[in-house]
Amino acid sequence: MNDVARLAGVSIKTVSRVVNDEPGVHPSTAERVLAAIDQLGFRRNLSARNLRRGSSTGTIGLVLEDVGNPFYSGVTRAVEEIARLRGRQVISGSSDEDPGRERELALEFCSRRVDGLLIVPAGLQHSYLVPEMRAGTPVVFLDRPAGDVVADTVLVDNIGGTVEAVTHLAAHGHRRIAFLGDAPDIFTANERLRGYREGCVRAGIGYHEELVAMGPHDENSVATTLKRLQTMREPATAVVAGNNRITVHILRSLAGVAERPALVGFDDFELADLLSPPVTVIAHDASALGKAATDLLFARLDGDNSPPRRVVLPVRLVPRGSGEVHA
């Protein structure tokens, strides 16, 4: 501002009035100031300005598992759209399922004085957020709940989804239904395993430990698991995949294989309807998850002091062909 004032031949106070669109500046003087601003490339530090005034910094923080995952890209897009309508910008980062990285990102966002936090938790310890929450920073957890704090949470019906997947396959005559899930210490993976067990009981086919393979998985581990499942004395005739990435690994492993097991994947994914056969999925709307969590965050920012809420969004079976193969 000193440089702008010097170039325009005015006081710093006059520059401040022009920048903040305050009255009392002659039009010709304001024109000189704006020309100096353009020439010098001056930009207001909005964060510093807002902090001095004790108001919003105009940002919210978003901590995801992996921004490269198409599912979380959909979540991010929904968050950004609502934030933009509310005059906020979103700063985000990926935890890569590392609790230490999650904590680092969350506290870094808090140090930048974000107005609120949206977190897909990687760990089970979130007491590090208690001082921030007590200071008035609203926090909403999405896709998974917090471990040791009570806070707003938005989830999807993981158990109901895998129950439906198993009963759907059983209705097509399958009795040996396998489940490939993510690491069991991840909330969504554990809940979907619970749904698989419950689905087996409801379908009257029994739960068999040898048909379950929990991760973390990569393409090689999935290929090895499928080979084991298909060469057992009583091979699996159908598979439930615990998330979109596992589904893709399964499809790659089965490429060129004539006799494939029936397949239902949890999470829809791009081009699933164009494959041969098209992939049957348990679908839930990533944008709905992001929207519900962001709406809840802004409700808190608007002064909603009601007790923490737990919102569970529905899922739906989308039959396309891969899950309708009869045993």
Protein backbone atom coordinates (compact mmCIF):
# COMPACT_ATOMS: atom_id res chain seq x y z
CA MET A 1 0.00 0.00 0.00
CA ASN A 2 2.96 2.30 0.61
CA ASP A 3 4.10 1.71 -2.97
CA VAL A 4 0.62 2.39 -4.36
CA ALA A 5 0.30 5.58 -2.29
CA ARG A 6 3.72 6.80 -3.41
CA LEU A 7 3.01 6.11 -7.11
CA ALA A 8 -0.44 7.72 -6.99
CA GLY A 9 0.75 10.70 -4.89
CA VAL A 10 -1.83 10.11 -2.13
CA SER A 11 -1.88 8.97 1.48
CA ILE A 12 -2.10 5.34 2.61
CA LYS A 13 -5.51 6.14 4.09
CA THR A 14 -6.75 7.22 0.67
CA VAL A 15 -5.50 3.95 -0.84
CA SER A 16 -7.31 2.05 1.90
CA ARG A 17 -10.55 3.89 1.18
CA VAL A 18 -10.34 3.11 -2.53
CA VAL A 19 -9.46 -0.55 -1.96
CA ASN A 20 -12.34 -1.00 0.48
CA ASP A 21 -14.78 1.01 -1.67
CA GLU A 22 -15.34 3.60 1.07
CA PRO A 23 -16.83 7.06 0.36
CA GLY A 24 -14.96 10.36 0.53
CA VAL A 25 -12.52 9.96 -2.35
CA HIS A 26 -12.71 12.22 -5.41
CA PRO A 27 -13.31 10.21 -8.63
CA SER A 28 -10.12 11.49 -10.27
CA THR A 29 -8.08 10.56 -7.19
CA ALA A 30 -9.67 7.11 -7.08
CA GLU A 31 -8.82 6.69 -10.76
CA ARG A 32 -5.14 7.47 -10.05
CA VAL A 33 -5.08 4.98 -7.18
CA LEU A 34 -6.66 2.23 -9.29
CA ALA A 35 -4.17 2.89 -12.09
CA ALA A 36 -1.30 2.56 -9.61
CA ILE A 37 -2.79 -0.67 -8.28
CA ASP A 38 -2.95 -2.11 -11.79
CA GLN A 39 0.57 -0.99 -12.59
CA LEU A 40 2.05 -2.51 -9.43
CA GLY A 41 -0.10 -5.66 -9.42
CA PHE A 42 -1.34 -4.93 -5.89
CA ARG A 43 -3.75 -7.48 -4.36
CA ARG A 44 -5.56 -7.28 -1.06
CA ASN A 45 -4.69 -9.88 1.58
CA LEU A 46 -8.27 -10.88 2.30
CA SER A 47 -7.33 -13.26 5.11
CA ALA A 48 -5.43 -10.57 6.99
CA ARG A 49 -8.22 -8.06 6.36
CA ASN A 50 -10.91 -10.40 7.63
CA LEU A 51 -8.89 -11.48 10.67
CA ARG A 52 -8.37 -7.85 11.68
CA ARG A 53 -12.11 -7.34 11.43
CA GLY A 54 -12.81 -10.58 13.30
CA SER A 55 -14.91 -11.95 10.42
CA SER A 56 -14.86 -14.92 8.06
CA THR A 57 -11.69 -15.84 6.19
CA GLY A 58 -13.86 -17.01 3.30
CA THR A 59 -12.46 -20.55 3.25
CA ILE A 60 -13.38 -24.05 4.35
CA GLY A 61 -10.98 -26.98 4.63
CA LEU A 62 -11.62 -30.40 3.08
CA VAL A 63 -9.55 -33.46 4.05
CA LEU A 64 -10.11 -36.45 1.76
CA GLU A 65 -8.70 -39.96 1.49
CA ASP A 66 -7.47 -39.47 -2.06
CA VAL A 67 -8.54 -36.64 -4.34
CA GLY A 68 -7.53 -38.85 -7.29
CA ASN A 69 -10.30 -41.35 -6.51
CA PRO A 70 -13.27 -40.54 -8.79
CA PHE A 71 -15.65 -40.99 -5.86
CA TYR A 72 -13.93 -38.26 -3.84
CA SER A 73 -13.70 -36.06 -6.92
CA GLY A 74 -17.50 -36.11 -6.95
CA VAL A 75 -17.59 -35.20 -3.27
CA THR A 76 -15.17 -32.32 -3.83
CA ARG A 77 -17.18 -30.95 -6.72
CA ALA A 78 -20.36 -30.84 -4.63
CA VAL A 79 -18.55 -29.13 -1.74
CA GLU A 80 -17.07 -26.52 -4.07
CA GLU A 81 -20.42 -25.73 -5.70
CA ILE A 82 -22.15 -25.04 -2.39
CA ALA A 83 -19.17 -23.16 -0.99
CA ARG A 84 -19.09 -20.90 -4.05
CA LEU A 85 -22.76 -20.06 -3.63
CA ARG A 86 -22.00 -19.11 -0.03
CA GLY A 87 -19.02 -16.95 -1.00
CA ARG A 88 -16.36 -19.38 0.23
CA GLN A 89 -13.34 -21.04 -1.36
CA VAL A 90 -12.32 -24.65 -0.64
CA ILE A 91 -8.79 -25.74 0.22
CA SER A 92 -8.28 -29.49 0.20
CA GLY A 93 -5.72 -32.24 0.68
CA SER A 94 -5.40 -36.05 0.62
CA SER A 95 -4.58 -38.04 3.74
CA ASP A 96 -3.71 -41.22 1.79
CA GLU A 97 -5.28 -43.21 4.68
CA ASP A 98 -2.54 -41.92 6.99
CA PRO A 99 -3.89 -40.63 10.35
CA GLY A 100 -0.76 -38.52 10.82
CA ARG A 101 -1.26 -36.85 7.46
CA GLU A 102 -4.94 -36.27 8.24
CA ARG A 103 -4.00 -34.53 11.50
CA GLU A 104 -1.30 -32.49 9.76
CA LEU A 105 -3.72 -31.26 7.09
CA ALA A 106 -6.56 -30.51 9.51
CA LEU A 107 -4.35 -28.50 11.86
CA GLU A 108 -2.70 -26.68 8.96
CA PHE A 109 -6.14 -25.65 7.71
CA CYS A 110 -7.06 -24.51 11.23
CA SER A 111 -3.84 -22.46 11.43
CA ARG A 112 -5.04 -20.70 8.28
CA ARG A 113 -8.25 -19.93 10.17
CA VAL A 114 -10.68 -21.75 7.86
CA ASP A 115 -14.30 -21.09 8.74
CA GLY A 116 -15.02 -24.84 9.06
CA LEU A 117 -13.68 -28.31 8.36
CA LEU A 118 -14.98 -31.28 6.37
CA ILE A 119 -13.01 -34.47 7.06
CA VAL A 120 -13.02 -38.01 5.69
CA PRO A 121 -11.22 -39.52 8.69
CA ALA A 122 -8.25 -41.83 8.20
CA GLY A 123 -7.83 -42.73 11.87
CA LEU A 124 -9.78 -43.13 15.08
CA GLN A 125 -8.25 -40.37 17.22
CA HIS A 126 -9.63 -36.89 16.71
CA SER A 127 -9.26 -35.33 20.15
CA TYR A 128 -6.65 -33.06 18.57
CA LEU A 129 -9.61 -31.14 17.10
CA VAL A 130 -11.29 -30.48 20.45
CA PRO A 131 -9.52 -27.12 21.05
CA GLU A 132 -10.52 -25.94 17.59
CA MET A 133 -14.11 -27.10 18.04
CA ARG A 134 -14.31 -25.39 21.44
CA ALA A 135 -13.00 -22.22 19.83
CA GLY A 136 -15.96 -22.30 17.46
CA THR A 137 -14.68 -24.03 14.33
CA PRO A 138 -17.43 -26.39 13.12
CA VAL A 139 -16.27 -29.84 11.98
CA VAL A 140 -18.29 -32.34 9.94
CA PHE A 141 -17.07 -35.88 9.28
CA LEU A 142 -18.21 -37.59 6.10
CA ASP A 143 -18.13 -41.12 4.71
CA ARG A 144 -16.81 -42.33 8.08
CA PRO A 145 -17.41 -41.25 11.69
CA ALA A 146 -14.88 -39.70 14.04
CA GLY A 147 -13.17 -42.00 16.51
CA ASP A 148 -13.17 -40.27 19.87
CA VAL A 149 -15.13 -37.04 19.54
CA VAL A 150 -18.85 -36.40 19.13
CA ALA A 151 -19.44 -34.43 15.96
CA ASP A 152 -21.72 -34.09 12.95
CA THR A 153 -21.38 -37.09 10.63
CA VAL A 154 -22.75 -37.95 7.19
CA LEU A 155 -22.54 -41.59 6.07
CA VAL A 156 -24.00 -43.92 3.46
CA ASP A 157 -25.86 -47.15 4.23
CA ASN A 158 -22.86 -49.48 3.93
CA ILE A 159 -24.47 -52.42 5.73
CA GLY A 160 -27.75 -52.22 3.84
CA GLY A 161 -25.90 -52.00 0.53
CA THR A 162 -23.92 -55.21 0.94
CA VAL A 163 -26.94 -57.01 2.38
CA GLU A 164 -28.77 -56.16 -0.83
CA ALA A 165 -25.81 -57.24 -2.98
CA VAL A 166 -25.64 -60.69 -1.36
CA THR A 167 -29.39 -61.31 -1.37
CA HIS A 168 -29.56 -60.23 -5.01
CA LEU A 169 -26.87 -62.76 -5.99
CA ALA A 170 -28.49 -65.47 -3.87
CA ALA A 171 -31.79 -64.83 -5.66
CA HIS A 172 -29.99 -65.79 -8.88
CA GLY A 173 -29.01 -69.14 -7.44
CA HIS A 174 -25.56 -68.37 -6.01
CA ARG A 175 -24.61 -70.15 -2.78
CA ARG A 176 -20.86 -69.55 -2.79
CA ILE A 177 -20.57 -65.76 -2.75
CA ALA A 178 -17.16 -64.22 -2.03
CA PHE A 179 -16.40 -60.79 -0.59
CA LEU A 180 -13.29 -58.73 -1.38
CA GLY A 181 -13.03 -55.72 0.91
CA ASP A 182 -10.60 -53.01 1.88
CA ALA A 183 -8.52 -53.01 5.09
CA PRO A 184 -10.84 -54.05 7.96
CA ASP A 185 -9.73 -51.15 10.18
CA ILE A 186 -11.39 -48.76 7.71
CA PHE A 187 -14.92 -47.99 8.87
CA THR A 188 -16.59 -48.41 5.48
CA ALA A 189 -14.79 -51.71 4.81
CA ASN A 190 -15.78 -53.12 8.20
CA GLU A 191 -19.40 -52.02 7.80
CA ARG A 192 -19.63 -53.58 4.34
CA LEU A 193 -18.17 -56.82 5.71
CA ARG A 194 -20.88 -56.76 8.39
CA GLY A 195 -23.48 -56.30 5.68
CA TYR A 196 -22.02 -59.21 3.73
CA ARG A 197 -22.28 -61.47 6.80
CA GLU A 198 -25.83 -60.36 7.47
CA GLY A 199 -26.75 -60.88 3.82
CA CYS A 200 -25.41 -64.43 3.93
CA VAL A 201 -27.54 -65.18 6.99
CA ARG A 202 -30.66 -63.62 5.47
CA ALA A 203 -30.16 -65.57 2.24
CA GLY A 204 -29.70 -68.81 4.19
CA ILE A 205 -26.36 -69.60 2.57
CA GLY A 206 -24.16 -69.36 5.66
CA TYR A 207 -21.00 -67.34 6.22
CA HIS A 208 -17.72 -68.97 5.16
CA GLU A 209 -14.45 -67.35 6.19
CA GLU A 210 -12.55 -68.80 3.21
CA LEU A 211 -14.72 -66.73 0.87
CA VAL A 212 -13.63 -63.44 2.45
CA ALA A 213 -10.46 -61.54 1.52
CA MET A 214 -9.90 -58.20 3.23
CA GLY A 215 -7.28 -55.73 2.01
CA PRO A 216 -5.66 -53.45 1.41
CA HIS A 217 -5.75 -54.74 -2.16
CA ASP A 218 -3.86 -54.02 -5.34
CA GLU A 219 -4.15 -55.58 -8.78
CA ASN A 220 -1.81 -58.48 -7.92
CA SER A 221 -3.50 -59.38 -4.63
CA VAL A 222 -6.92 -59.35 -6.28
CA ALA A 223 -5.70 -61.61 -9.10
CA THR A 224 -4.21 -64.04 -6.58
CA THR A 225 -7.39 -64.04 -4.51
CA LEU A 226 -9.62 -64.67 -7.53
CA LYS A 227 -7.47 -67.59 -8.61
CA ARG A 228 -7.74 -69.09 -5.13
CA LEU A 229 -11.51 -68.59 -5.02
CA GLN A 230 -12.02 -70.19 -8.43
CA THR A 231 -9.81 -73.23 -7.80
CA MET A 232 -11.28 -74.23 -4.43
CA ARG A 233 -13.00 -77.58 -4.09
CA GLU A 234 -16.26 -75.60 -3.98
CA PRO A 235 -15.38 -72.49 -5.98
CA ALA A 236 -17.03 -69.12 -5.56
CA THR A 237 -19.60 -68.48 -8.28
CA ALA A 238 -20.17 -64.83 -7.40
CA VAL A 239 -18.19 -61.94 -5.91
CA VAL A 240 -19.13 -58.77 -4.04
CA ALA A 241 -16.46 -56.08 -4.40
CA GLY A 242 -16.13 -53.74 -1.43
CA ASN A 243 -15.39 -50.55 -3.37
CA ASN A 244 -14.92 -49.16 -6.87
CA ARG A 245 -11.16 -49.72 -7.00
CA ILE A 246 -11.48 -53.38 -6.04
CA THR A 247 -14.16 -53.77 -8.71
CA VAL A 248 -11.79 -52.38 -11.33
CA HIS A 249 -9.00 -54.72 -10.17
CA ILE A 250 -11.40 -57.67 -10.48
CA LEU A 251 -12.42 -56.66 -14.00
CA ARG A 252 -8.78 -56.41 -15.06
CA SER A 253 -8.04 -59.84 -13.61
CA LEU A 254 -11.01 -61.36 -15.43
CA ALA A 255 -10.24 -59.77 -18.80
CA GLY A 256 -10.32 -62.47 -21.45
CA VAL A 257 -11.69 -65.10 -19.06
CA ALA A 258 -14.61 -66.98 -20.62
CA GLU A 259 -16.35 -68.19 -17.44
CA ARG A 260 -16.59 -65.34 -15.01
CA PRO A 261 -18.20 -65.25 -11.58
CA ALA A 262 -21.20 -63.01 -11.17
CA LEU A 263 -20.14 -59.61 -9.84
CA VAL A 264 -21.71 -56.81 -7.83
CA GLY A 265 -19.52 -53.84 -6.93
CA PHE A 266 -20.02 -51.31 -4.15
CA ASP A 267 -19.74 -47.78 -5.63
CA ASP A 268 -20.64 -46.95 -9.19
CA PHE A 269 -17.88 -45.86 -11.54
CA GLU A 270 -17.52 -44.27 -14.95
CA LEU A 271 -18.16 -46.57 -17.96
CA ALA A 272 -19.49 -49.38 -15.75
CA ASP A 273 -22.61 -49.47 -17.93
CA LEU A 274 -20.57 -49.77 -21.14
CA LEU A 275 -18.52 -52.84 -20.26
CA SER A 276 -19.39 -56.35 -21.39
CA PRO A 277 -21.26 -57.39 -19.41
CA PRO A 278 -22.24 -54.07 -17.83
CA VAL A 279 -21.38 -54.03 -14.14
CA THR A 280 -24.10 -54.32 -11.52
CA VAL A 281 -23.36 -51.95 -8.63
CA ILE A 282 -24.54 -50.69 -5.29
CA ALA A 283 -24.71 -47.00 -6.12
CA HIS A 284 -24.72 -43.99 -3.89
CA ASP A 285 -24.41 -40.39 -4.93
CA ALA A 286 -21.00 -38.89 -4.10
CA SER A 287 -22.37 -35.43 -4.76
CA ALA A 288 -25.24 -36.06 -2.32
CA LEU A 289 -22.69 -37.01 0.35
CA GLY A 290 -20.69 -33.84 -0.28
CA LYS A 291 -23.82 -31.69 -0.39
CA ALA A 292 -25.29 -33.09 2.84
CA ALA A 293 -22.02 -32.59 4.72
CA THR A 294 -21.52 -29.05 3.38
CA ASP A 295 -25.11 -28.05 4.10
CA LEU A 296 -24.63 -29.25 7.67
CA LEU A 297 -21.39 -27.29 7.99
CA PHE A 298 -23.02 -24.07 6.80
CA ALA A 299 -25.96 -24.64 9.13
CA ARG A 300 -23.44 -24.59 11.98
CA LEU A 301 -21.79 -21.48 10.58
CA ASP A 302 -25.23 -19.85 10.43
CA GLY A 303 -25.69 -20.43 14.16
CA ASP A 304 -27.34 -23.86 14.47
CA ASN A 305 -26.36 -25.04 17.96
CA SER A 306 -28.46 -28.22 18.07
CA PRO A 307 -26.82 -31.51 19.20
CA PRO A 308 -24.49 -33.26 16.72
CA ARG A 309 -26.33 -35.08 13.95
CA ARG A 310 -25.71 -38.41 12.27
CA VAL A 311 -27.12 -38.56 8.73
CA VAL A 312 -27.20 -41.86 6.80
CA LEU A 313 -27.85 -41.58 3.06
CA PRO A 314 -29.54 -44.42 1.15
CA VAL A 315 -27.94 -46.62 -1.50
CA ARG A 316 -29.55 -48.50 -4.38
CA LEU A 317 -28.89 -51.61 -6.42
CA VAL A 318 -28.36 -50.91 -10.13
CA PRO A 319 -28.75 -54.22 -12.03
CA ARG A 320 -26.92 -54.12 -15.35
CA GLY A 321 -25.90 -57.68 -16.15
CA SER A 322 -22.80 -58.82 -14.27
CA GLY A 323 -24.81 -59.50 -11.13
CA GLU A 324 -27.64 -61.28 -12.90
CA VAL A 325 -25.62 -64.25 -14.15
CA HIS A 326 -27.25 -67.40 -12.81
CA ALA A 327 -25.22 -69.98 -10.92
